[in-house]
Amino acid sequence: MPRPPYPASVPGVIDIPEELARAQEKFNGEEGRAFIAALPDLTAAFLDRWTLRVTGTPMHGVSALVLPVVRADDTPAVLKLQLRDEESEGEPIALRLWSGDGAVRLLDHDPATGTMLLERLDASRMLAHEPDIHASVRQIALLLSHLNQTPAPPGMRRLGDIAQAMLDKTPWALTRIPDPETRRITADCAAALREVAGEPGDRLLHWDLHDENVLAADRAPWLAIDPKPLAGDPGYELWPALANRFDPADIHWRFDAMTEVMNLDRPRARAWTYARLLENILWNIEDGDPVEEQHLEIARRLRAGTA
């Protein structure tokens, strides 16, 4: 299909951000272009269907358009429109289960498109603005400890399946890594994963809780947003806080603090953190990108016994 113009628009309401359109084209190709092409009509339809009025500038990440809106009764909310995939389709299910306890509250949802109406949090008060990284990491661990208490529902994508797929793909990946150290780290990650893959866990995981996915609200100091949920072991949750605002000298402290706050078995948490690195390495190789040096450094610190 022909590429949509950049930016597309909802006449009299919003322009679709060009950065979102380009990200969709880069990461989702034809499907992403179709999503962007349909987004103006989709946005207009849900503004009408849920009787919403846009009250601010559109926000976006790589995959979603988020509009500040008010409902007919003047309740502030946000309208989130995104391309449905295996990561995003579980988001409304997880948010319903958490029911606003530690996470943003889901107000409405359209299963056919994945469009959601969410409570409005304070985007100007993001945990990423906290200058004390240790306070930030502890807060993430506290939220995860609470959210992970919920058992995952039937049908949620499973860490066990993801783990097996990674192990199946590792031999292929190893033949495509020219650097001996990176090859060895990759093999070590796979070996660690094999040790724990038989007990992948059954907790409801957020998967992507870093300090830009934690916002403040009047009803709670901090709440999680934007989960990519799956059923699994909470040790798989540590990676974003270890890698975010990267500081190699701080990896030891962060790992210790999170495993303590979350009451995790340290060897298992270390193994699942290696698994998370393996996941990133496999993505890099599939995309033809080099493995990120910062990610390898986390593995070095863990392997050296400094974390």
C-alpha atoms as a PDB file:
ATOM      1  CA  MET A   1       0.000   0.000   0.000  1.00  0.00           C
ATOM      2  CA  PRO A   2       1.210   3.587  -0.514  1.00  0.00           C
ATOM      3  CA  ARG A   3       2.792   5.218   2.497  1.00  0.00           C
ATOM      4  CA  PRO A   4       0.530   7.585   4.433  1.00  0.00           C
ATOM      5  CA  PRO A   5       1.469  11.252   4.510  1.00  0.00           C
ATOM      6  CA  TYR A   6       3.466  12.429   7.544  1.00  0.00           C
ATOM      7  CA  PRO A   7       1.823  13.512   9.724  1.00  0.00           C
ATOM      8  CA  ALA A   8      -1.683  12.144   9.307  1.00  0.00           C
ATOM      9  CA  SER A   9      -4.355  14.083  11.173  1.00  0.00           C
ATOM     10  CA  VAL A  10      -7.748  14.090  12.776  1.00  0.00           C
ATOM     11  CA  PRO A  11      -9.179  17.312  11.332  1.00  0.00           C
ATOM     12  CA  GLY A  12      -9.658  19.965  13.971  1.00  0.00           C
ATOM     13  CA  VAL A  13      -8.423  17.647  16.736  1.00  0.00           C
ATOM     14  CA  ILE A  14      -4.817  16.379  16.479  1.00  0.00           C
ATOM     15  CA  ASP A  15      -1.931  15.662  14.173  1.00  0.00           C
ATOM     16  CA  ILE A  16      -0.542  12.125  14.320  1.00  0.00           C
ATOM     17  CA  PRO A  17       3.094  12.576  15.458  1.00  0.00           C
ATOM     18  CA  GLU A  18       5.567  11.986  12.659  1.00  0.00           C
ATOM     19  CA  GLU A  19       7.940  10.175  15.040  1.00  0.00           C
ATOM     20  CA  LEU A  20       5.236   7.603  15.817  1.00  0.00           C
ATOM     21  CA  ALA A  21       4.569   7.067  12.124  1.00  0.00           C
ATOM     22  CA  ARG A  22       8.236   6.496  11.391  1.00  0.00           C
ATOM     23  CA  ALA A  23       8.653   4.158  14.359  1.00  0.00           C
ATOM     24  CA  GLN A  24       5.703   2.078  13.204  1.00  0.00           C
ATOM     25  CA  GLU A  25       7.144   1.862   9.715  1.00  0.00           C
ATOM     26  CA  LYS A  26      10.571   0.874  11.053  1.00  0.00           C
ATOM     27  CA  PHE A  27       9.452  -1.770  13.524  1.00  0.00           C
ATOM     28  CA  ASN A  28       6.197  -3.081  12.023  1.00  0.00           C
ATOM     29  CA  GLY A  29       6.548  -2.441   8.297  1.00  0.00           C
ATOM     30  CA  GLU A  30       3.348  -2.843   6.295  1.00  0.00           C
ATOM     31  CA  GLU A  31       1.279  -3.516   9.406  1.00  0.00           C
ATOM     32  CA  GLY A  32       2.626  -0.370  11.052  1.00  0.00           C
ATOM     33  CA  ARG A  33       1.891   1.755   7.989  1.00  0.00           C
ATOM     34  CA  ALA A  34      -1.662   0.414   7.913  1.00  0.00           C
ATOM     35  CA  PHE A  35      -2.068   1.248  11.599  1.00  0.00           C
ATOM     36  CA  ILE A  36      -0.946   4.834  11.050  1.00  0.00           C
ATOM     37  CA  ALA A  37      -3.176   5.192   7.999  1.00  0.00           C
ATOM     38  CA  ALA A  38      -6.191   4.039  10.029  1.00  0.00           C
ATOM     39  CA  LEU A  39      -5.299   6.021  13.159  1.00  0.00           C
ATOM     40  CA  PRO A  40      -7.100   9.298  12.300  1.00  0.00           C
ATOM     41  CA  ASP A  41     -10.429   7.545  11.704  1.00  0.00           C
ATOM     42  CA  LEU A  42      -9.882   5.247  14.692  1.00  0.00           C
ATOM     43  CA  THR A  43      -9.150   8.189  16.970  1.00  0.00           C
ATOM     44  CA  ALA A  44     -12.188  10.119  15.791  1.00  0.00           C
ATOM     45  CA  ALA A  45     -14.399   7.055  16.239  1.00  0.00           C
ATOM     46  CA  PHE A  46     -13.375   6.526  19.866  1.00  0.00           C
ATOM     47  CA  LEU A  47     -13.616  10.185  20.746  1.00  0.00           C
ATOM     48  CA  ASP A  48     -17.215   9.981  19.571  1.00  0.00           C
ATOM     49  CA  ARG A  49     -17.992   6.515  20.973  1.00  0.00           C
ATOM     50  CA  TRP A  50     -16.783   7.296  24.487  1.00  0.00           C
ATOM     51  CA  THR A  51     -17.866  10.965  24.376  1.00  0.00           C
ATOM     52  CA  LEU A  52     -14.373  12.349  24.866  1.00  0.00           C
ATOM     53  CA  ARG A  53     -12.852  15.763  24.272  1.00  0.00           C
ATOM     54  CA  VAL A  54      -9.124  16.234  23.639  1.00  0.00           C
ATOM     55  CA  THR A  55      -7.601  18.635  26.147  1.00  0.00           C
ATOM     56  CA  GLY A  56      -3.864  18.534  25.503  1.00  0.00           C
ATOM     57  CA  THR A  57      -0.957  17.656  23.255  1.00  0.00           C
ATOM     58  CA  PRO A  58      -0.712  14.057  21.999  1.00  0.00           C
ATOM     59  CA  MET A  59       1.952  11.874  23.615  1.00  0.00           C
ATOM     60  CA  HIS A  60       3.521   8.780  22.122  1.00  0.00           C
ATOM     61  CA  GLY A  61       6.172   6.132  22.505  1.00  0.00           C
ATOM     62  CA  VAL A  62       7.282   3.671  19.864  1.00  0.00           C
ATOM     63  CA  SER A  63       3.954   1.883  19.569  1.00  0.00           C
ATOM     64  CA  ALA A  64       1.076   3.931  20.984  1.00  0.00           C
ATOM     65  CA  LEU A  65      -0.650   7.282  20.649  1.00  0.00           C
ATOM     66  CA  VAL A  66      -1.867   8.682  23.978  1.00  0.00           C
ATOM     67  CA  LEU A  67      -4.310  11.591  24.055  1.00  0.00           C
ATOM     68  CA  PRO A  68      -5.216  13.611  27.153  1.00  0.00           C
ATOM     69  CA  VAL A  69      -9.017  13.776  27.171  1.00  0.00           C
ATOM     70  CA  VAL A  70     -11.969  14.500  29.429  1.00  0.00           C
ATOM     71  CA  ARG A  71     -15.129  12.407  29.612  1.00  0.00           C
ATOM     72  CA  ALA A  72     -18.642  13.767  29.338  1.00  0.00           C
ATOM     73  CA  ASP A  73     -18.704  14.327  33.107  1.00  0.00           C
ATOM     74  CA  ASP A  74     -15.369  16.250  32.892  1.00  0.00           C
ATOM     75  CA  THR A  75     -13.383  13.385  34.429  1.00  0.00           C
ATOM     76  CA  PRO A  76      -9.792  13.572  33.114  1.00  0.00           C
ATOM     77  CA  ALA A  77      -8.544  10.467  31.313  1.00  0.00           C
ATOM     78  CA  VAL A  78      -6.212   9.389  28.516  1.00  0.00           C
ATOM     79  CA  LEU A  79      -7.112   7.581  25.320  1.00  0.00           C
ATOM     80  CA  LYS A  80      -4.469   5.029  24.306  1.00  0.00           C
ATOM     81  CA  LEU A  81      -4.471   3.694  20.753  1.00  0.00           C
ATOM     82  CA  GLN A  82      -1.918   1.069  19.789  1.00  0.00           C
ATOM     83  CA  LEU A  83      -1.213  -1.707  17.331  1.00  0.00           C
ATOM     84  CA  ARG A  84      -2.304  -4.980  18.895  1.00  0.00           C
ATOM     85  CA  ASP A  85       0.453  -7.558  19.234  1.00  0.00           C
ATOM     86  CA  GLU A  86       1.358 -10.398  21.583  1.00  0.00           C
ATOM     87  CA  GLU A  87       2.853  -7.961  24.096  1.00  0.00           C
ATOM     88  CA  SER A  88       0.093  -5.356  24.163  1.00  0.00           C
ATOM     89  CA  GLU A  89      -2.942  -7.639  24.027  1.00  0.00           C
ATOM     90  CA  GLY A  90      -2.480  -8.664  27.660  1.00  0.00           C
ATOM     91  CA  GLU A  91      -2.298  -5.069  28.931  1.00  0.00           C
ATOM     92  CA  PRO A  92      -6.022  -4.537  29.619  1.00  0.00           C
ATOM     93  CA  ILE A  93      -6.261  -7.974  31.240  1.00  0.00           C
ATOM     94  CA  ALA A  94      -3.429  -7.173  33.647  1.00  0.00           C
ATOM     95  CA  LEU A  95      -4.776  -3.703  34.423  1.00  0.00           C
ATOM     96  CA  ARG A  96      -8.192  -5.147  35.237  1.00  0.00           C
ATOM     97  CA  LEU A  97      -6.648  -7.685  37.585  1.00  0.00           C
ATOM     98  CA  TRP A  98      -4.535  -5.064  39.347  1.00  0.00           C
ATOM     99  CA  SER A  99      -7.644  -2.852  39.498  1.00  0.00           C
ATOM    100  CA  GLY A 100      -5.720   0.348  40.139  1.00  0.00           C
ATOM    101  CA  ASP A 101      -3.762  -1.146  43.047  1.00  0.00           C
ATOM    102  CA  GLY A 102      -0.193  -0.216  42.162  1.00  0.00           C
ATOM    103  CA  ALA A 103      -0.998   0.473  38.520  1.00  0.00           C
ATOM    104  CA  VAL A 104      -2.993   2.893  36.394  1.00  0.00           C
ATOM    105  CA  ARG A 105      -6.730   2.189  36.402  1.00  0.00           C
ATOM    106  CA  LEU A 106      -8.448   0.910  33.246  1.00  0.00           C
ATOM    107  CA  LEU A 107     -11.701   2.797  32.591  1.00  0.00           C
ATOM    108  CA  ASP A 108     -12.812   1.217  29.307  1.00  0.00           C
ATOM    109  CA  HIS A 109     -11.463  -1.093  26.625  1.00  0.00           C
ATOM    110  CA  ASP A 110     -12.287  -2.155  23.090  1.00  0.00           C
ATOM    111  CA  PRO A 111     -11.106  -5.768  22.585  1.00  0.00           C
ATOM    112  CA  ALA A 112     -11.311  -5.607  18.794  1.00  0.00           C
ATOM    113  CA  THR A 113      -8.735  -2.829  18.431  1.00  0.00           C
ATOM    114  CA  GLY A 114      -6.957  -2.859  21.802  1.00  0.00           C
ATOM    115  CA  THR A 115      -7.923   0.771  22.370  1.00  0.00           C
ATOM    116  CA  MET A 116      -8.055   1.722  26.056  1.00  0.00           C
ATOM    117  CA  LEU A 117      -9.388   4.549  28.155  1.00  0.00           C
ATOM    118  CA  LEU A 118      -7.195   5.005  31.232  1.00  0.00           C
ATOM    119  CA  GLU A 119      -7.227   7.231  34.261  1.00  0.00           C
ATOM    120  CA  ARG A 120      -5.123  10.369  33.856  1.00  0.00           C
ATOM    121  CA  LEU A 121      -1.946  10.348  35.927  1.00  0.00           C
ATOM    122  CA  ASP A 122       0.473  13.255  36.302  1.00  0.00           C
ATOM    123  CA  ALA A 123       2.901  12.961  33.387  1.00  0.00           C
ATOM    124  CA  SER A 124       4.913  15.865  34.789  1.00  0.00           C
ATOM    125  CA  ARG A 125       5.737  13.774  37.879  1.00  0.00           C
ATOM    126  CA  MET A 126       7.627  10.804  36.484  1.00  0.00           C
ATOM    127  CA  LEU A 127       9.927   8.612  38.556  1.00  0.00           C
ATOM    128  CA  ALA A 128      12.629   9.308  35.957  1.00  0.00           C
ATOM    129  CA  HIS A 129      12.778  12.838  37.390  1.00  0.00           C
ATOM    130  CA  GLU A 130      13.855  11.485  40.774  1.00  0.00           C
ATOM    131  CA  PRO A 131      17.534  12.499  41.084  1.00  0.00           C
ATOM    132  CA  ASP A 132      18.332   9.760  43.607  1.00  0.00           C
ATOM    133  CA  ILE A 133      18.667   6.630  41.487  1.00  0.00           C
ATOM    134  CA  HIS A 134      18.688   4.438  44.582  1.00  0.00           C
ATOM    135  CA  ALA A 135      15.326   5.832  45.664  1.00  0.00           C
ATOM    136  CA  SER A 136      14.038   5.228  42.135  1.00  0.00           C
ATOM    137  CA  VAL A 137      15.228   1.617  42.048  1.00  0.00           C
ATOM    138  CA  ARG A 138      13.762   0.877  45.469  1.00  0.00           C
ATOM    139  CA  GLN A 139      10.423   2.323  44.384  1.00  0.00           C
ATOM    140  CA  ILE A 140      10.388   0.144  41.274  1.00  0.00           C
ATOM    141  CA  ALA A 141      11.162  -2.901  43.420  1.00  0.00           C
ATOM    142  CA  LEU A 142       8.346  -2.026  45.832  1.00  0.00           C
ATOM    143  CA  LEU A 143       5.858  -1.715  42.977  1.00  0.00           C
ATOM    144  CA  LEU A 144       6.999  -4.986  41.427  1.00  0.00           C
ATOM    145  CA  SER A 145       6.824  -6.766  44.758  1.00  0.00           C
ATOM    146  CA  HIS A 146       3.194  -5.692  45.023  1.00  0.00           C
ATOM    147  CA  LEU A 147       2.153  -6.277  41.403  1.00  0.00           C
ATOM    148  CA  ASN A 148       3.807  -9.711  41.250  1.00  0.00           C
ATOM    149  CA  GLN A 149       1.652 -10.989  44.092  1.00  0.00           C
ATOM    150  CA  THR A 150      -1.176 -11.417  41.569  1.00  0.00           C
ATOM    151  CA  PRO A 151      -1.289 -14.833  39.888  1.00  0.00           C
ATOM    152  CA  ALA A 152      -1.359 -14.675  36.121  1.00  0.00           C
ATOM    153  CA  PRO A 153      -4.705 -15.606  34.538  1.00  0.00           C
ATOM    154  CA  PRO A 154      -5.192 -18.513  32.126  1.00  0.00           C
ATOM    155  CA  GLY A 155      -4.276 -17.606  28.577  1.00  0.00           C
ATOM    156  CA  MET A 156      -1.630 -15.026  29.467  1.00  0.00           C
ATOM    157  CA  ARG A 157       1.549 -15.408  27.410  1.00  0.00           C
ATOM    158  CA  ARG A 158       4.015 -17.496  29.370  1.00  0.00           C
ATOM    159  CA  LEU A 159       7.647 -17.019  30.260  1.00  0.00           C
ATOM    160  CA  GLY A 160       8.116 -20.776  29.901  1.00  0.00           C
ATOM    161  CA  ASP A 161       7.253 -20.580  26.203  1.00  0.00           C
ATOM    162  CA  ILE A 162       9.500 -17.544  25.711  1.00  0.00           C
ATOM    163  CA  ALA A 163      12.365 -19.298  27.498  1.00  0.00           C
ATOM    164  CA  GLN A 164      12.096 -22.411  25.347  1.00  0.00           C
ATOM    165  CA  ALA A 165      11.984 -20.344  22.170  1.00  0.00           C
ATOM    166  CA  MET A 166      15.153 -18.540  23.246  1.00  0.00           C
ATOM    167  CA  LEU A 167      16.959 -21.792  23.979  1.00  0.00           C
ATOM    168  CA  ASP A 168      15.888 -23.199  20.613  1.00  0.00           C
ATOM    169  CA  LYS A 169      17.264 -20.114  18.834  1.00  0.00           C
ATOM    170  CA  THR A 170      20.563 -19.859  20.722  1.00  0.00           C
ATOM    171  CA  PRO A 171      22.599 -22.350  18.609  1.00  0.00           C
ATOM    172  CA  TRP A 172      21.680 -20.384  15.474  1.00  0.00           C
ATOM    173  CA  ALA A 173      22.613 -17.117  17.168  1.00  0.00           C
ATOM    174  CA  LEU A 174      25.992 -18.349  18.363  1.00  0.00           C
ATOM    175  CA  THR A 175      27.070 -18.993  14.754  1.00  0.00           C
ATOM    176  CA  ARG A 176      26.373 -15.339  13.944  1.00  0.00           C
ATOM    177  CA  ILE A 177      28.392 -13.722  16.766  1.00  0.00           C
ATOM    178  CA  PRO A 178      31.962 -13.028  15.615  1.00  0.00           C
ATOM    179  CA  ASP A 179      33.328 -11.782  18.943  1.00  0.00           C
ATOM    180  CA  PRO A 180      34.523 -14.647  21.206  1.00  0.00           C
ATOM    181  CA  GLU A 181      33.654 -12.920  24.479  1.00  0.00           C
ATOM    182  CA  THR A 182      30.146 -12.042  23.318  1.00  0.00           C
ATOM    183  CA  ARG A 183      29.710 -15.637  22.154  1.00  0.00           C
ATOM    184  CA  ARG A 184      30.810 -16.917  25.556  1.00  0.00           C
ATOM    185  CA  ILE A 185      28.488 -14.542  27.426  1.00  0.00           C
ATOM    186  CA  THR A 186      25.609 -15.624  25.187  1.00  0.00           C
ATOM    187  CA  ALA A 187      26.342 -19.292  25.849  1.00  0.00           C
ATOM    188  CA  ASP A 188      26.598 -18.595  29.600  1.00  0.00           C
ATOM    189  CA  CYS A 189      23.213 -16.848  29.537  1.00  0.00           C
ATOM    190  CA  ALA A 190      21.638 -19.829  27.792  1.00  0.00           C
ATOM    191  CA  ALA A 191      23.213 -22.235  30.294  1.00  0.00           C
ATOM    192  CA  ALA A 192      21.830 -20.195  33.200  1.00  0.00           C
ATOM    193  CA  LEU A 193      18.409 -20.147  31.592  1.00  0.00           C
ATOM    194  CA  ARG A 194      18.397 -23.926  31.180  1.00  0.00           C
ATOM    195  CA  GLU A 195      18.854 -24.272  34.930  1.00  0.00           C
ATOM    196  CA  VAL A 196      15.604 -22.427  35.704  1.00  0.00           C
ATOM    197  CA  ALA A 197      13.487 -22.863  32.556  1.00  0.00           C
ATOM    198  CA  GLY A 198      11.720 -25.907  34.007  1.00  0.00           C
ATOM    199  CA  GLU A 199      10.160 -23.719  36.719  1.00  0.00           C
ATOM    200  CA  PRO A 200       9.219 -20.522  34.874  1.00  0.00           C
ATOM    201  CA  GLY A 201       6.776 -19.214  37.515  1.00  0.00           C
ATOM    202  CA  ASP A 202       3.139 -18.178  37.451  1.00  0.00           C
ATOM    203  CA  ARG A 203       3.055 -14.599  38.735  1.00  0.00           C
ATOM    204  CA  LEU A 204       1.624 -11.717  36.714  1.00  0.00           C
ATOM    205  CA  LEU A 205       4.675  -9.788  35.500  1.00  0.00           C
ATOM    206  CA  HIS A 206       4.809  -6.215  34.225  1.00  0.00           C
ATOM    207  CA  TRP A 207       7.982  -6.965  32.184  1.00  0.00           C
ATOM    208  CA  ASP A 208       8.918  -3.337  31.416  1.00  0.00           C
ATOM    209  CA  LEU A 209       8.884  -1.412  34.688  1.00  0.00           C
ATOM    210  CA  HIS A 210      11.538   1.277  34.403  1.00  0.00           C
ATOM    211  CA  ASP A 211      11.382   4.796  35.812  1.00  0.00           C
ATOM    212  CA  GLU A 212       9.676   6.310  32.758  1.00  0.00           C
ATOM    213  CA  ASN A 213       6.811   3.849  33.259  1.00  0.00           C
ATOM    214  CA  VAL A 214       6.081   5.047  36.794  1.00  0.00           C
ATOM    215  CA  LEU A 215       3.942   8.167  37.263  1.00  0.00           C
ATOM    216  CA  ALA A 216       2.520   9.988  40.266  1.00  0.00           C
ATOM    217  CA  ALA A 217      -1.163  10.538  40.984  1.00  0.00           C
ATOM    218  CA  ASP A 218      -3.250  12.290  43.606  1.00  0.00           C
ATOM    219  CA  ARG A 219      -4.537   8.940  44.869  1.00  0.00           C
ATOM    220  CA  ALA A 220      -1.114   7.250  45.155  1.00  0.00           C
ATOM    221  CA  PRO A 221       2.513   8.410  45.251  1.00  0.00           C
ATOM    222  CA  TRP A 222       3.548   6.184  42.332  1.00  0.00           C
ATOM    223  CA  LEU A 223       1.697   3.943  39.867  1.00  0.00           C
ATOM    224  CA  ALA A 224       2.920   1.666  37.080  1.00  0.00           C
ATOM    225  CA  ILE A 225       1.865   2.187  33.471  1.00  0.00           C
ATOM    226  CA  ASP A 226       2.353   0.424  30.133  1.00  0.00           C
ATOM    227  CA  PRO A 227       2.765  -3.236  31.153  1.00  0.00           C
ATOM    228  CA  LYS A 228       3.719  -5.894  28.623  1.00  0.00           C
ATOM    229  CA  PRO A 229       2.409  -8.665  30.867  1.00  0.00           C
ATOM    230  CA  LEU A 230       3.248 -12.329  30.991  1.00  0.00           C
ATOM    231  CA  ALA A 231       3.075 -15.216  33.438  1.00  0.00           C
ATOM    232  CA  GLY A 232       6.405 -15.990  35.017  1.00  0.00           C
ATOM    233  CA  ASP A 233       9.083 -15.642  37.667  1.00  0.00           C
ATOM    234  CA  PRO A 234       9.531 -12.162  39.237  1.00  0.00           C
ATOM    235  CA  GLY A 235      13.289 -12.512  38.743  1.00  0.00           C
ATOM    236  CA  TYR A 236      12.610 -11.711  35.082  1.00  0.00           C
ATOM    237  CA  GLU A 237      11.490  -8.217  36.145  1.00  0.00           C
ATOM    238  CA  LEU A 238      14.880  -6.854  37.309  1.00  0.00           C
ATOM    239  CA  TRP A 239      16.470  -6.032  33.971  1.00  0.00           C
ATOM    240  CA  PRO A 240      14.905  -2.624  33.179  1.00  0.00           C
ATOM    241  CA  ALA A 241      15.994  -1.129  36.518  1.00  0.00           C
ATOM    242  CA  LEU A 242      19.516  -2.571  36.122  1.00  0.00           C
ATOM    243  CA  ALA A 243      19.930  -1.175  32.602  1.00  0.00           C
ATOM    244  CA  ASN A 244      18.089   2.129  32.949  1.00  0.00           C
ATOM    245  CA  ARG A 245      20.238   5.181  33.765  1.00  0.00           C
ATOM    246  CA  PHE A 246      23.141   2.796  33.329  1.00  0.00           C
ATOM    247  CA  ASP A 247      25.989   2.913  35.829  1.00  0.00           C
ATOM    248  CA  PRO A 248      28.260  -0.147  35.909  1.00  0.00           C
ATOM    249  CA  ALA A 249      29.457   0.675  39.422  1.00  0.00           C
ATOM    250  CA  ASP A 250      25.854   0.600  40.657  1.00  0.00           C
ATOM    251  CA  ILE A 251      24.807  -2.786  39.283  1.00  0.00           C
ATOM    252  CA  HIS A 252      25.820  -4.597  42.457  1.00  0.00           C
ATOM    253  CA  TRP A 253      23.761  -2.265  44.654  1.00  0.00           C
ATOM    254  CA  ARG A 254      20.705  -2.375  42.393  1.00  0.00           C
ATOM    255  CA  PHE A 255      20.668  -6.168  42.149  1.00  0.00           C
ATOM    256  CA  ASP A 256      21.052  -6.553  45.912  1.00  0.00           C
ATOM    257  CA  ALA A 257      18.407  -3.931  46.697  1.00  0.00           C
ATOM    258  CA  MET A 258      15.809  -5.321  44.304  1.00  0.00           C
ATOM    259  CA  THR A 259      16.241  -8.949  45.327  1.00  0.00           C
ATOM    260  CA  GLU A 260      15.995  -7.906  48.975  1.00  0.00           C
ATOM    261  CA  VAL A 261      12.891  -5.732  48.559  1.00  0.00           C
ATOM    262  CA  MET A 262      11.195  -8.327  46.332  1.00  0.00           C
ATOM    263  CA  ASN A 263      12.287 -11.224  48.568  1.00  0.00           C
ATOM    264  CA  LEU A 264      13.772 -13.140  45.637  1.00  0.00           C
ATOM    265  CA  ASP A 265      16.119 -16.091  45.612  1.00  0.00           C
ATOM    266  CA  ARG A 266      19.338 -14.474  44.386  1.00  0.00           C
ATOM    267  CA  PRO A 267      20.709 -17.329  42.225  1.00  0.00           C
ATOM    268  CA  ARG A 268      17.339 -17.714  40.467  1.00  0.00           C
ATOM    269  CA  ALA A 269      17.019 -13.946  40.016  1.00  0.00           C
ATOM    270  CA  ARG A 270      20.531 -13.857  38.543  1.00  0.00           C
ATOM    271  CA  ALA A 271      19.656 -16.670  36.131  1.00  0.00           C
ATOM    272  CA  TRP A 272      16.476 -14.936  34.976  1.00  0.00           C
ATOM    273  CA  THR A 273      18.439 -11.707  34.534  1.00  0.00           C
ATOM    274  CA  TYR A 274      20.865 -13.591  32.285  1.00  0.00           C
ATOM    275  CA  ALA A 275      17.804 -14.830  30.401  1.00  0.00           C
ATOM    276  CA  ARG A 276      16.673 -11.259  29.879  1.00  0.00           C
ATOM    277  CA  LEU A 277      20.087 -10.414  28.441  1.00  0.00           C
ATOM    278  CA  LEU A 278      19.837 -13.439  26.146  1.00  0.00           C
ATOM    279  CA  GLU A 279      16.490 -12.125  24.916  1.00  0.00           C
ATOM    280  CA  ASN A 280      18.092  -8.773  24.048  1.00  0.00           C
ATOM    281  CA  ILE A 281      21.063 -10.436  22.344  1.00  0.00           C
ATOM    282  CA  LEU A 282      18.756 -12.532  20.172  1.00  0.00           C
ATOM    283  CA  TRP A 283      16.785  -9.433  19.173  1.00  0.00           C
ATOM    284  CA  ASN A 284      20.018  -7.634  18.253  1.00  0.00           C
ATOM    285  CA  ILE A 285      21.172 -10.520  16.067  1.00  0.00           C
ATOM    286  CA  GLU A 286      17.785 -10.886  14.367  1.00  0.00           C
ATOM    287  CA  ASP A 287      17.805  -7.160  13.542  1.00  0.00           C
ATOM    288  CA  GLY A 288      21.390  -7.227  12.315  1.00  0.00           C
ATOM    289  CA  ASP A 289      22.512  -4.902  15.132  1.00  0.00           C
ATOM    290  CA  PRO A 290      25.593  -5.215  17.372  1.00  0.00           C
ATOM    291  CA  VAL A 291      25.036  -6.457  20.911  1.00  0.00           C
ATOM    292  CA  GLU A 292      24.922  -3.483  23.258  1.00  0.00           C
ATOM    293  CA  GLU A 293      28.111  -3.059  25.257  1.00  0.00           C
ATOM    294  CA  GLN A 294      26.235  -1.806  28.317  1.00  0.00           C
ATOM    295  CA  HIS A 295      24.188  -5.001  28.377  1.00  0.00           C
ATOM    296  CA  LEU A 296      27.308  -7.128  28.169  1.00  0.00           C
ATOM    297  CA  GLU A 297      28.803  -5.198  31.077  1.00  0.00           C
ATOM    298  CA  ILE A 298      25.844  -6.124  33.266  1.00  0.00           C
ATOM    299  CA  ALA A 299      26.570  -9.779  32.483  1.00  0.00           C
ATOM    300  CA  ARG A 300      30.258  -9.329  33.273  1.00  0.00           C
ATOM    301  CA  ARG A 301      29.438  -7.847  36.676  1.00  0.00           C
ATOM    302  CA  LEU A 302      26.970 -10.585  37.494  1.00  0.00           C
ATOM    303  CA  ARG A 303      29.325 -13.333  36.340  1.00  0.00           C
ATOM    304  CA  ALA A 304      32.263 -11.866  38.279  1.00  0.00           C
ATOM    305  CA  GLY A 305      30.298 -12.191  41.511  1.00  0.00           C
ATOM    306  CA  THR A 306      30.131  -8.436  42.042  1.00  0.00           C
ATOM    307  CA  ALA A 307      26.330  -8.475  41.980  1.00  0.00           C
END
